[in-house]
Amino acid sequence: MIQKDIEPNAITYNSLMGGYCLRGEMGEARKVFDLMLRKGRMVDVWSCSILINGYCKHKKIDQAIEVFEEMFRLEILPNTITYNTLIDGFCEAGRMQEAEKLFSRMLCCGQLPNVQTYAILLDGLCSSQQLSRAMELLREMEDNKMELNIIIYTIIIKGMCKAGRLKSATDFFFSLSSKGVQPDVWTYNVMINGLCNGGLLVEAEKLLREMEAKGCSPEGCTYNIIIRGFINNNEISRAVELIEEMKEMGFSADASTMKLVIDLSSKDEVDPSLLSFLKDRYEVKLNS
C-alpha cells in the first residue's frame, strides 16, 4: 500500500497489529504500534486494547501494564474493554491483588464495569480459591440491583464445587429459579462434574435426567463428564451403558474419556462389560 502511495489508516494498522498478536509475534505488533505513534494521532483506545490483549494472551502481563500506563501519557482513556482485558490478564496470571486494584481504579476513574467485568473477577477469585471474596462480590452485585445472568451464577457454582462445598453448590443450583434465571447446559455440566468428582454418582445421573426433562438437552460434553465420573469411581458397567446411550444420541467420546477407556482396557483384569463393549464396537484387541 505504501509503495503505491496509499496511506494506511488506523483500521488497517490495527488489523495488522491484531494479526501479529494472534500469531504471537508481539515484537512485530509493537513495531506497528510504534509506527502509528510516530505518524501522530493514529493510536486510539482500540489500538491500545489490541496490543494489551495480545500481551495478556501470551502471558506478557508486565508489557501489557506498560501499554496501559502509556495510554494516560497519550491522553487516551481506557474503556471497559481495555480494563476487562487487563483484569483478565491479571486473573489468568494468578495476580488477583493487582486485578482487584485495577478494578478499584476503574471505579475511581468513573469507568463503569459491566457484567463481563464481574464475571472475569469472580472466575479469577474462584480459580485462586478465594470463594469467600467471590461471594462478597456477588452480594455487592445483588445489593446494587445488577441484572445478573446465568454465567455469573455458574461461575459461583463452579467455585463452590472446586472448594469441595458440594452441599452449598447444590443448594445454590436449585435456588436459581428463585433468582429469575434458569440453568443452561454449561451450568448442568459444571454441577454434574462437581457431583462426579465428589463421588455422588446417583445425584449426578439424576441431574442428567432432570435436564432432559426440563428441555435442556445434554450435549457430548455432558455425557463425557458423567462417563468419566463413573469410570473414575470404578462403576464401569454403568459407564459402558452411558457410552452406548451417548452414541445413540449422536455423540462420541472425547480424548479424555477415550484415554480412560484405553487405560482400563490395558489392565490385567478388565471389567467384562467393558471388554464386550470394546470388542463389539471397536474391535480392540485386549489383554486377557
C-alpha atoms as a PDB file:
ATOM      1  CA  MET A   1       0.000   0.000   0.000  1.00  0.00           C
ATOM      2  CA  ILE A   2       2.764   2.403   0.987  1.00  0.00           C
ATOM      3  CA  GLN A   3       4.689   1.636  -2.232  1.00  0.00           C
ATOM      4  CA  LYS A   4       1.577   2.600  -4.185  1.00  0.00           C
ATOM      5  CA  ASP A   5       1.311   5.872  -2.236  1.00  0.00           C
ATOM      6  CA  ILE A   6      -1.790   4.606  -0.456  1.00  0.00           C
ATOM      7  CA  GLU A   7      -1.576   5.705   3.160  1.00  0.00           C
ATOM      8  CA  PRO A   8      -2.905   3.025   5.542  1.00  0.00           C
ATOM      9  CA  ASN A   9      -5.424   4.299   8.074  1.00  0.00           C
ATOM     10  CA  ALA A  10      -5.819   3.377  11.749  1.00  0.00           C
ATOM     11  CA  ILE A  11      -8.141   0.466  10.918  1.00  0.00           C
ATOM     12  CA  THR A  12      -5.523  -1.036   8.606  1.00  0.00           C
ATOM     13  CA  TYR A  13      -2.745  -0.672  11.170  1.00  0.00           C
ATOM     14  CA  ASN A  14      -4.949  -2.062  13.942  1.00  0.00           C
ATOM     15  CA  SER A  15      -5.799  -5.087  11.785  1.00  0.00           C
ATOM     16  CA  LEU A  16      -2.133  -5.680  11.034  1.00  0.00           C
ATOM     17  CA  MET A  17      -1.231  -5.374  14.702  1.00  0.00           C
ATOM     18  CA  GLY A  18      -4.057  -7.735  15.646  1.00  0.00           C
ATOM     19  CA  GLY A  19      -2.782 -10.283  13.148  1.00  0.00           C
ATOM     20  CA  TYR A  20       0.699 -10.204  14.668  1.00  0.00           C
ATOM     21  CA  CYS A  21      -0.844 -10.596  18.131  1.00  0.00           C
ATOM     22  CA  LEU A  22      -2.791 -13.668  17.026  1.00  0.00           C
ATOM     23  CA  ARG A  23       0.423 -15.214  15.739  1.00  0.00           C
ATOM     24  CA  GLY A  24       2.263 -14.395  18.964  1.00  0.00           C
ATOM     25  CA  GLU A  25       4.662 -12.070  17.164  1.00  0.00           C
ATOM     26  CA  MET A  26       4.469  -9.409  19.831  1.00  0.00           C
ATOM     27  CA  GLY A  27       7.703  -7.704  18.787  1.00  0.00           C
ATOM     28  CA  GLU A  28       6.240  -7.073  15.341  1.00  0.00           C
ATOM     29  CA  ALA A  29       2.938  -5.949  16.852  1.00  0.00           C
ATOM     30  CA  ARG A  30       4.791  -3.410  18.998  1.00  0.00           C
ATOM     31  CA  LYS A  31       6.655  -2.137  15.918  1.00  0.00           C
ATOM     32  CA  VAL A  32       3.332  -1.444  14.215  1.00  0.00           C
ATOM     33  CA  PHE A  33       2.110   0.347  17.349  1.00  0.00           C
ATOM     34  CA  ASP A  34       5.281   2.482  17.466  1.00  0.00           C
ATOM     35  CA  LEU A  35       4.912   3.310  13.769  1.00  0.00           C
ATOM     36  CA  MET A  36       1.379   4.515  14.473  1.00  0.00           C
ATOM     37  CA  LEU A  37       2.714   6.650  17.299  1.00  0.00           C
ATOM     38  CA  ARG A  38       5.294   8.269  15.042  1.00  0.00           C
ATOM     39  CA  LYS A  39       2.607   9.122  12.498  1.00  0.00           C
ATOM     40  CA  GLY A  40       0.720  11.006  15.212  1.00  0.00           C
ATOM     41  CA  ARG A  41      -2.958  10.995  16.158  1.00  0.00           C
ATOM     42  CA  MET A  42      -3.358   7.479  14.806  1.00  0.00           C
ATOM     43  CA  VAL A  43      -3.275   5.457  18.008  1.00  0.00           C
ATOM     44  CA  ASP A  44      -6.668   5.197  19.700  1.00  0.00           C
ATOM     45  CA  VAL A  45      -8.229   3.188  22.525  1.00  0.00           C
ATOM     46  CA  TRP A  46      -8.737   0.209  20.180  1.00  0.00           C
ATOM     47  CA  SER A  47      -5.072   0.181  19.172  1.00  0.00           C
ATOM     48  CA  CYS A  48      -4.031   0.077  22.811  1.00  0.00           C
ATOM     49  CA  SER A  49      -6.622  -2.543  23.714  1.00  0.00           C
ATOM     50  CA  ILE A  50      -5.490  -4.804  20.858  1.00  0.00           C
ATOM     51  CA  LEU A  51      -1.868  -4.637  21.982  1.00  0.00           C
ATOM     52  CA  ILE A  52      -2.761  -5.121  25.660  1.00  0.00           C
ATOM     53  CA  ASN A  53      -4.875  -8.150  24.744  1.00  0.00           C
ATOM     54  CA  GLY A  54      -2.018  -9.611  22.722  1.00  0.00           C
ATOM     55  CA  TYR A  55       0.419  -9.244  25.584  1.00  0.00           C
ATOM     56  CA  CYS A  56      -2.067 -10.750  28.057  1.00  0.00           C
ATOM     57  CA  LYS A  57      -2.872 -13.730  25.826  1.00  0.00           C
ATOM     58  CA  HIS A  58       0.828 -14.500  25.538  1.00  0.00           C
ATOM     59  CA  LYS A  59       1.448 -14.079  29.271  1.00  0.00           C
ATOM     60  CA  LYS A  60       3.429 -10.861  28.952  1.00  0.00           C
ATOM     61  CA  ILE A  61       1.482  -9.020  31.627  1.00  0.00           C
ATOM     62  CA  ASP A  62       4.193  -6.510  32.524  1.00  0.00           C
ATOM     63  CA  GLN A  63       4.346  -5.299  28.913  1.00  0.00           C
ATOM     64  CA  ALA A  64       0.544  -5.034  28.938  1.00  0.00           C
ATOM     65  CA  ILE A  65       0.758  -2.824  32.031  1.00  0.00           C
ATOM     66  CA  GLU A  66       3.304  -0.587  30.287  1.00  0.00           C
ATOM     67  CA  VAL A  67       0.915  -0.034  27.371  1.00  0.00           C
ATOM     68  CA  PHE A  68      -1.941   0.640  29.788  1.00  0.00           C
ATOM     69  CA  GLU A  69       0.063   3.324  31.620  1.00  0.00           C
ATOM     70  CA  GLU A  70       1.235   4.732  28.292  1.00  0.00           C
ATOM     71  CA  MET A  71      -2.389   5.381  27.395  1.00  0.00           C
ATOM     72  CA  PHE A  72      -2.663   8.030  30.090  1.00  0.00           C
ATOM     73  CA  ARG A  73       0.505   9.750  28.882  1.00  0.00           C
ATOM     74  CA  LEU A  74      -1.063   9.793  25.413  1.00  0.00           C
ATOM     75  CA  GLU A  75      -4.283  11.171  26.945  1.00  0.00           C
ATOM     76  CA  ILE A  76      -6.228   8.129  25.742  1.00  0.00           C
ATOM     77  CA  LEU A  77      -8.806   6.970  28.263  1.00  0.00           C
ATOM     78  CA  PRO A  78      -9.163   3.187  28.655  1.00  0.00           C
ATOM     79  CA  ASN A  79     -12.683   1.902  28.062  1.00  0.00           C
ATOM     80  CA  THR A  80     -14.445  -1.027  29.706  1.00  0.00           C
ATOM     81  CA  ILE A  81     -12.969  -3.457  27.175  1.00  0.00           C
ATOM     82  CA  THR A  82      -9.455  -2.254  27.994  1.00  0.00           C
ATOM     83  CA  TYR A  83      -9.996  -2.690  31.730  1.00  0.00           C
ATOM     84  CA  ASN A  84     -11.647  -6.094  31.254  1.00  0.00           C
ATOM     85  CA  THR A  85      -8.755  -7.282  29.111  1.00  0.00           C
ATOM     86  CA  LEU A  86      -6.073  -6.330  31.631  1.00  0.00           C
ATOM     87  CA  ILE A  87      -8.088  -7.547  34.631  1.00  0.00           C
ATOM     88  CA  ASP A  88      -8.491 -10.884  32.848  1.00  0.00           C
ATOM     89  CA  GLY A  89      -4.755 -10.944  32.195  1.00  0.00           C
ATOM     90  CA  PHE A  90      -4.049 -10.468  35.889  1.00  0.00           C
ATOM     91  CA  CYS A  91      -6.554 -13.182  36.817  1.00  0.00           C
ATOM     92  CA  GLU A  92      -5.103 -15.667  34.324  1.00  0.00           C
ATOM     93  CA  ALA A  93      -1.665 -14.992  35.785  1.00  0.00           C
ATOM     94  CA  GLY A  94      -2.968 -15.538  39.328  1.00  0.00           C
ATOM     95  CA  ARG A  95      -2.222 -11.910  40.246  1.00  0.00           C
ATOM     96  CA  MET A  96      -5.554 -11.339  41.968  1.00  0.00           C
ATOM     97  CA  GLN A  97      -4.433  -8.488  44.193  1.00  0.00           C
ATOM     98  CA  GLU A  98      -3.454  -6.477  41.126  1.00  0.00           C
ATOM     99  CA  ALA A  99      -6.701  -7.451  39.398  1.00  0.00           C
ATOM    100  CA  GLU A 100      -8.738  -6.083  42.298  1.00  0.00           C
ATOM    101  CA  LYS A 101      -6.616  -2.924  42.475  1.00  0.00           C
ATOM    102  CA  LEU A 102      -7.230  -2.293  38.794  1.00  0.00           C
ATOM    103  CA  PHE A 103     -10.948  -2.889  39.327  1.00  0.00           C
ATOM    104  CA  SER A 104     -10.948  -0.269  42.104  1.00  0.00           C
ATOM    105  CA  ARG A 105      -9.021   2.112  39.864  1.00  0.00           C
ATOM    106  CA  MET A 106     -11.607   1.549  37.156  1.00  0.00           C
ATOM    107  CA  LEU A 107     -14.361   2.613  39.536  1.00  0.00           C
ATOM    108  CA  CYS A 108     -12.383   5.644  40.744  1.00  0.00           C
ATOM    109  CA  CYS A 109     -11.865   6.766  37.133  1.00  0.00           C
ATOM    110  CA  GLY A 110     -15.614   6.682  36.575  1.00  0.00           C
ATOM    111  CA  GLN A 111     -15.485   3.808  34.082  1.00  0.00           C
ATOM    112  CA  LEU A 112     -18.481   1.623  34.774  1.00  0.00           C
ATOM    113  CA  PRO A 113     -17.827  -2.125  34.909  1.00  0.00           C
ATOM    114  CA  ASN A 114     -20.201  -4.396  33.040  1.00  0.00           C
ATOM    115  CA  VAL A 115     -21.368  -7.919  33.822  1.00  0.00           C
ATOM    116  CA  GLN A 116     -18.344  -9.319  31.993  1.00  0.00           C
ATOM    117  CA  THR A 117     -16.014  -7.364  34.291  1.00  0.00           C
ATOM    118  CA  TYR A 118     -17.594  -9.003  37.314  1.00  0.00           C
ATOM    119  CA  ALA A 119     -17.595 -12.420  35.622  1.00  0.00           C
ATOM    120  CA  ILE A 120     -13.847 -12.131  34.996  1.00  0.00           C
ATOM    121  CA  LEU A 121     -13.167 -11.138  38.605  1.00  0.00           C
ATOM    122  CA  LEU A 122     -15.430 -13.813  40.065  1.00  0.00           C
ATOM    123  CA  ASP A 123     -13.838 -16.518  37.943  1.00  0.00           C
ATOM    124  CA  GLY A 124     -10.378 -15.347  38.946  1.00  0.00           C
ATOM    125  CA  LEU A 125     -11.268 -15.340  42.629  1.00  0.00           C
ATOM    126  CA  CYS A 126     -12.846 -18.794  42.460  1.00  0.00           C
ATOM    127  CA  SER A 127      -9.900 -20.205  40.491  1.00  0.00           C
ATOM    128  CA  SER A 128      -7.480 -18.867  43.088  1.00  0.00           C
ATOM    129  CA  GLN A 129      -9.519 -20.435  45.922  1.00  0.00           C
ATOM    130  CA  GLN A 130     -10.877 -17.144  47.206  1.00  0.00           C
ATOM    131  CA  LEU A 131     -14.503 -18.236  47.310  1.00  0.00           C
ATOM    132  CA  SER A 132     -15.360 -16.060  50.325  1.00  0.00           C
ATOM    133  CA  ARG A 133     -14.233 -12.924  48.490  1.00  0.00           C
ATOM    134  CA  ALA A 134     -16.149 -14.064  45.397  1.00  0.00           C
ATOM    135  CA  MET A 135     -19.317 -14.420  47.484  1.00  0.00           C
ATOM    136  CA  GLU A 136     -18.778 -10.920  48.904  1.00  0.00           C
ATOM    137  CA  LEU A 137     -18.520  -9.534  45.397  1.00  0.00           C
ATOM    138  CA  LEU A 138     -21.657 -11.407  44.350  1.00  0.00           C
ATOM    139  CA  ARG A 139     -23.571  -9.912  47.275  1.00  0.00           C
ATOM    140  CA  GLU A 140     -22.346  -6.447  46.280  1.00  0.00           C
ATOM    141  CA  MET A 141     -23.691  -7.022  42.795  1.00  0.00           C
ATOM    142  CA  GLU A 142     -27.048  -8.202  44.108  1.00  0.00           C
ATOM    143  CA  ASP A 143     -27.254  -5.286  46.565  1.00  0.00           C
ATOM    144  CA  ASN A 144     -26.588  -2.895  43.684  1.00  0.00           C
ATOM    145  CA  LYS A 145     -29.515  -4.486  41.814  1.00  0.00           C
ATOM    146  CA  MET A 146     -27.328  -5.544  38.906  1.00  0.00           C
ATOM    147  CA  GLU A 147     -29.025  -7.704  36.314  1.00  0.00           C
ATOM    148  CA  LEU A 148     -27.081 -10.924  36.741  1.00  0.00           C
ATOM    149  CA  ASN A 149     -27.065 -13.680  34.155  1.00  0.00           C
ATOM    150  CA  ILE A 150     -26.592 -17.429  34.339  1.00  0.00           C
ATOM    151  CA  ILE A 151     -22.874 -17.053  33.553  1.00  0.00           C
ATOM    152  CA  ILE A 152     -22.293 -15.246  36.854  1.00  0.00           C
ATOM    153  CA  TYR A 153     -24.163 -17.855  38.878  1.00  0.00           C
ATOM    154  CA  THR A 154     -22.473 -20.752  37.085  1.00  0.00           C
ATOM    155  CA  ILE A 155     -19.054 -19.323  37.948  1.00  0.00           C
ATOM    156  CA  ILE A 156     -20.067 -19.311  41.620  1.00  0.00           C
ATOM    157  CA  ILE A 157     -21.335 -22.902  41.436  1.00  0.00           C
ATOM    158  CA  LYS A 158     -18.080 -23.955  39.802  1.00  0.00           C
ATOM    159  CA  GLY A 159     -16.138 -22.202  42.566  1.00  0.00           C
ATOM    160  CA  MET A 160     -18.155 -23.946  45.267  1.00  0.00           C
ATOM    161  CA  CYS A 161     -17.565 -27.332  43.632  1.00  0.00           C
ATOM    162  CA  LYS A 162     -13.858 -26.647  43.341  1.00  0.00           C
ATOM    163  CA  ALA A 163     -13.753 -25.751  47.035  1.00  0.00           C
ATOM    164  CA  GLY A 164     -15.462 -29.050  47.887  1.00  0.00           C
ATOM    165  CA  ARG A 165     -18.635 -27.332  49.078  1.00  0.00           C
ATOM    166  CA  LEU A 166     -20.996 -29.612  47.174  1.00  0.00           C
ATOM    167  CA  LYS A 167     -23.968 -29.087  49.509  1.00  0.00           C
ATOM    168  CA  SER A 168     -23.685 -25.309  49.071  1.00  0.00           C
ATOM    169  CA  ALA A 169     -23.289 -25.722  45.320  1.00  0.00           C
ATOM    170  CA  THR A 170     -26.347 -27.986  45.082  1.00  0.00           C
ATOM    171  CA  ASP A 171     -28.477 -25.648  47.196  1.00  0.00           C
ATOM    172  CA  PHE A 172     -27.320 -22.678  45.136  1.00  0.00           C
ATOM    173  CA  PHE A 173     -28.068 -24.559  41.896  1.00  0.00           C
ATOM    174  CA  PHE A 174     -31.632 -25.346  42.943  1.00  0.00           C
ATOM    175  CA  SER A 175     -32.191 -21.732  44.074  1.00  0.00           C
ATOM    176  CA  LEU A 176     -31.542 -20.337  40.602  1.00  0.00           C
ATOM    177  CA  SER A 177     -35.199 -20.256  39.594  1.00  0.00           C
ATOM    178  CA  SER A 178     -35.947 -18.040  42.606  1.00  0.00           C
ATOM    179  CA  LYS A 179     -33.344 -15.610  41.242  1.00  0.00           C
ATOM    180  CA  GLY A 180     -35.167 -15.450  37.926  1.00  0.00           C
ATOM    181  CA  VAL A 181     -32.640 -17.459  35.901  1.00  0.00           C
ATOM    182  CA  GLN A 182     -32.601 -20.987  34.546  1.00  0.00           C
ATOM    183  CA  PRO A 183     -29.542 -23.246  34.323  1.00  0.00           C
ATOM    184  CA  ASP A 184     -28.171 -23.801  30.840  1.00  0.00           C
ATOM    185  CA  VAL A 185     -26.093 -26.715  29.530  1.00  0.00           C
ATOM    186  CA  TRP A 186     -22.879 -25.244  30.944  1.00  0.00           C
ATOM    187  CA  THR A 187     -24.455 -24.881  34.391  1.00  0.00           C
ATOM    188  CA  TYR A 188     -25.622 -28.507  34.359  1.00  0.00           C
ATOM    189  CA  ASN A 189     -22.204 -29.650  33.137  1.00  0.00           C
ATOM    190  CA  VAL A 190     -20.468 -27.805  35.979  1.00  0.00           C
ATOM    191  CA  MET A 191     -22.846 -29.209  38.602  1.00  0.00           C
ATOM    192  CA  ILE A 192     -22.686 -32.765  37.230  1.00  0.00           C
ATOM    193  CA  ASN A 193     -18.894 -32.577  37.136  1.00  0.00           C
ATOM    194  CA  GLY A 194     -18.801 -31.399  40.745  1.00  0.00           C
ATOM    195  CA  LEU A 195     -21.062 -34.229  41.870  1.00  0.00           C
ATOM    196  CA  CYS A 196     -18.978 -36.796  39.962  1.00  0.00           C
ATOM    197  CA  ASN A 197     -15.755 -35.501  41.484  1.00  0.00           C
ATOM    198  CA  GLY A 198     -17.377 -35.832  44.892  1.00  0.00           C
ATOM    199  CA  GLY A 199     -18.398 -39.428  44.185  1.00  0.00           C
ATOM    200  CA  LEU A 200     -22.103 -38.563  44.169  1.00  0.00           C
ATOM    201  CA  LEU A 201     -22.901 -40.517  41.024  1.00  0.00           C
ATOM    202  CA  VAL A 202     -26.580 -41.147  41.751  1.00  0.00           C
ATOM    203  CA  GLU A 203     -27.150 -37.424  42.181  1.00  0.00           C
ATOM    204  CA  ALA A 204     -25.137 -36.684  39.033  1.00  0.00           C
ATOM    205  CA  GLU A 205     -27.201 -39.038  36.885  1.00  0.00           C
ATOM    206  CA  LYS A 206     -30.411 -37.756  38.425  1.00  0.00           C
ATOM    207  CA  LEU A 207     -29.386 -34.269  37.314  1.00  0.00           C
ATOM    208  CA  LEU A 208     -28.692 -35.589  33.805  1.00  0.00           C
ATOM    209  CA  ARG A 209     -32.244 -36.942  33.627  1.00  0.00           C
ATOM    210  CA  GLU A 210     -33.651 -33.758  35.083  1.00  0.00           C
ATOM    211  CA  MET A 211     -32.048 -31.559  32.443  1.00  0.00           C
ATOM    212  CA  GLU A 212     -33.554 -33.754  29.735  1.00  0.00           C
ATOM    213  CA  ALA A 213     -36.991 -33.495  31.353  1.00  0.00           C
ATOM    214  CA  LYS A 214     -36.688 -29.703  31.580  1.00  0.00           C
ATOM    215  CA  GLY A 215     -35.890 -29.334  27.905  1.00  0.00           C
ATOM    216  CA  CYS A 216     -32.193 -28.584  28.326  1.00  0.00           C
ATOM    217  CA  SER A 217     -30.699 -31.200  26.018  1.00  0.00           C
ATOM    218  CA  PRO A 218     -27.403 -32.749  27.161  1.00  0.00           C
ATOM    219  CA  GLU A 219     -24.507 -32.342  24.764  1.00  0.00           C
ATOM    220  CA  GLY A 220     -21.497 -34.516  24.077  1.00  0.00           C
ATOM    221  CA  CYS A 221     -19.549 -32.761  26.818  1.00  0.00           C
ATOM    222  CA  THR A 222     -22.272 -33.604  29.357  1.00  0.00           C
ATOM    223  CA  TYR A 223     -22.045 -37.316  28.587  1.00  0.00           C
ATOM    224  CA  ASN A 224     -18.260 -37.309  28.605  1.00  0.00           C
ATOM    225  CA  ILE A 225     -18.243 -35.642  32.033  1.00  0.00           C
ATOM    226  CA  ILE A 226     -20.585 -38.164  33.635  1.00  0.00           C
ATOM    227  CA  ILE A 227     -18.974 -41.172  31.887  1.00  0.00           C
ATOM    228  CA  ARG A 228     -15.570 -40.110  33.223  1.00  0.00           C
ATOM    229  CA  GLY A 229     -17.169 -39.738  36.639  1.00  0.00           C
ATOM    230  CA  PHE A 230     -18.429 -43.324  36.587  1.00  0.00           C
ATOM    231  CA  ILE A 231     -15.122 -44.665  35.288  1.00  0.00           C
ATOM    232  CA  ASN A 232     -13.094 -42.769  37.879  1.00  0.00           C
ATOM    233  CA  ASN A 233     -15.352 -44.165  40.595  1.00  0.00           C
ATOM    234  CA  ASN A 234     -14.931 -47.705  39.204  1.00  0.00           C
ATOM    235  CA  GLU A 235     -18.545 -48.005  38.066  1.00  0.00           C
ATOM    236  CA  ILE A 236     -17.519 -49.471  34.720  1.00  0.00           C
ATOM    237  CA  SER A 237     -20.724 -51.286  33.772  1.00  0.00           C
ATOM    238  CA  ARG A 238     -22.805 -48.142  34.133  1.00  0.00           C
ATOM    239  CA  ALA A 239     -20.176 -46.129  32.274  1.00  0.00           C
ATOM    240  CA  VAL A 240     -20.438 -48.530  29.340  1.00  0.00           C
ATOM    241  CA  GLU A 241     -24.231 -48.167  29.322  1.00  0.00           C
ATOM    242  CA  LEU A 242     -23.846 -44.391  29.239  1.00  0.00           C
ATOM    243  CA  ILE A 243     -21.339 -44.649  26.391  1.00  0.00           C
ATOM    244  CA  GLU A 244     -23.943 -46.653  24.447  1.00  0.00           C
ATOM    245  CA  GLU A 245     -26.562 -44.035  25.239  1.00  0.00           C
ATOM    246  CA  MET A 246     -24.197 -41.262  24.192  1.00  0.00           C
ATOM    247  CA  LYS A 247     -23.558 -42.950  20.842  1.00  0.00           C
ATOM    248  CA  GLU A 248     -27.299 -43.340  20.269  1.00  0.00           C
ATOM    249  CA  MET A 249     -27.617 -39.593  20.830  1.00  0.00           C
ATOM    250  CA  GLY A 250     -25.085 -38.991  18.062  1.00  0.00           C
ATOM    251  CA  PHE A 251     -22.186 -38.019  20.327  1.00  0.00           C
ATOM    252  CA  SER A 252     -18.769 -39.594  20.680  1.00  0.00           C
ATOM    253  CA  ALA A 253     -16.162 -39.963  23.384  1.00  0.00           C
ATOM    254  CA  ASP A 254     -13.631 -37.155  23.609  1.00  0.00           C
ATOM    255  CA  ALA A 255      -9.883 -37.621  24.048  1.00  0.00           C
ATOM    256  CA  SER A 256     -10.011 -37.607  27.860  1.00  0.00           C
ATOM    257  CA  THR A 257     -12.746 -40.232  28.012  1.00  0.00           C
ATOM    258  CA  MET A 258     -11.060 -42.467  25.437  1.00  0.00           C
ATOM    259  CA  LYS A 259      -7.798 -42.283  27.378  1.00  0.00           C
ATOM    260  CA  LEU A 260      -9.580 -43.595  30.464  1.00  0.00           C
ATOM    261  CA  VAL A 261     -11.211 -46.389  28.431  1.00  0.00           C
ATOM    262  CA  ILE A 262      -7.909 -47.362  26.818  1.00  0.00           C
ATOM    263  CA  ASP A 263      -6.124 -47.271  30.185  1.00  0.00           C
ATOM    264  CA  LEU A 264      -8.775 -49.601  31.598  1.00  0.00           C
ATOM    265  CA  SER A 265      -8.515 -51.945  28.636  1.00  0.00           C
ATOM    266  CA  SER A 266      -4.772 -52.363  29.162  1.00  0.00           C
ATOM    267  CA  LYS A 267      -5.120 -53.593  32.734  1.00  0.00           C
ATOM    268  CA  ASP A 268      -4.647 -57.252  33.619  1.00  0.00           C
ATOM    269  CA  GLU A 269      -8.237 -57.502  34.842  1.00  0.00           C
ATOM    270  CA  VAL A 270     -10.793 -55.887  32.567  1.00  0.00           C
ATOM    271  CA  ASP A 271     -14.434 -55.427  33.505  1.00  0.00           C
ATOM    272  CA  PRO A 272     -16.432 -57.889  31.336  1.00  0.00           C
ATOM    273  CA  SER A 273     -18.877 -55.210  30.222  1.00  0.00           C
ATOM    274  CA  LEU A 274     -16.038 -53.006  29.002  1.00  0.00           C
ATOM    275  CA  LEU A 275     -14.364 -55.934  27.282  1.00  0.00           C
ATOM    276  CA  SER A 276     -17.554 -56.841  25.468  1.00  0.00           C
ATOM    277  CA  PHE A 277     -18.241 -53.237  24.527  1.00  0.00           C
ATOM    278  CA  LEU A 278     -14.799 -52.631  23.073  1.00  0.00           C
ATOM    279  CA  LYS A 279     -14.793 -55.897  21.133  1.00  0.00           C
ATOM    280  CA  ASP A 280     -18.236 -55.244  19.679  1.00  0.00           C
ATOM    281  CA  ARG A 281     -17.795 -51.596  18.884  1.00  0.00           C
ATOM    282  CA  TYR A 282     -14.142 -51.003  18.209  1.00  0.00           C
ATOM    283  CA  GLU A 283     -12.668 -54.450  17.660  1.00  0.00           C
ATOM    284  CA  VAL A 284      -9.918 -53.550  20.066  1.00  0.00           C
ATOM    285  CA  LYS A 285      -7.501 -56.340  20.911  1.00  0.00           C
ATOM    286  CA  LEU A 286      -7.271 -56.528  24.686  1.00  0.00           C
ATOM    287  CA  ASN A 287      -5.061 -58.275  27.136  1.00  0.00           C
ATOM    288  CA  SER A 288      -6.872 -61.150  28.788  1.00  0.00           C
END
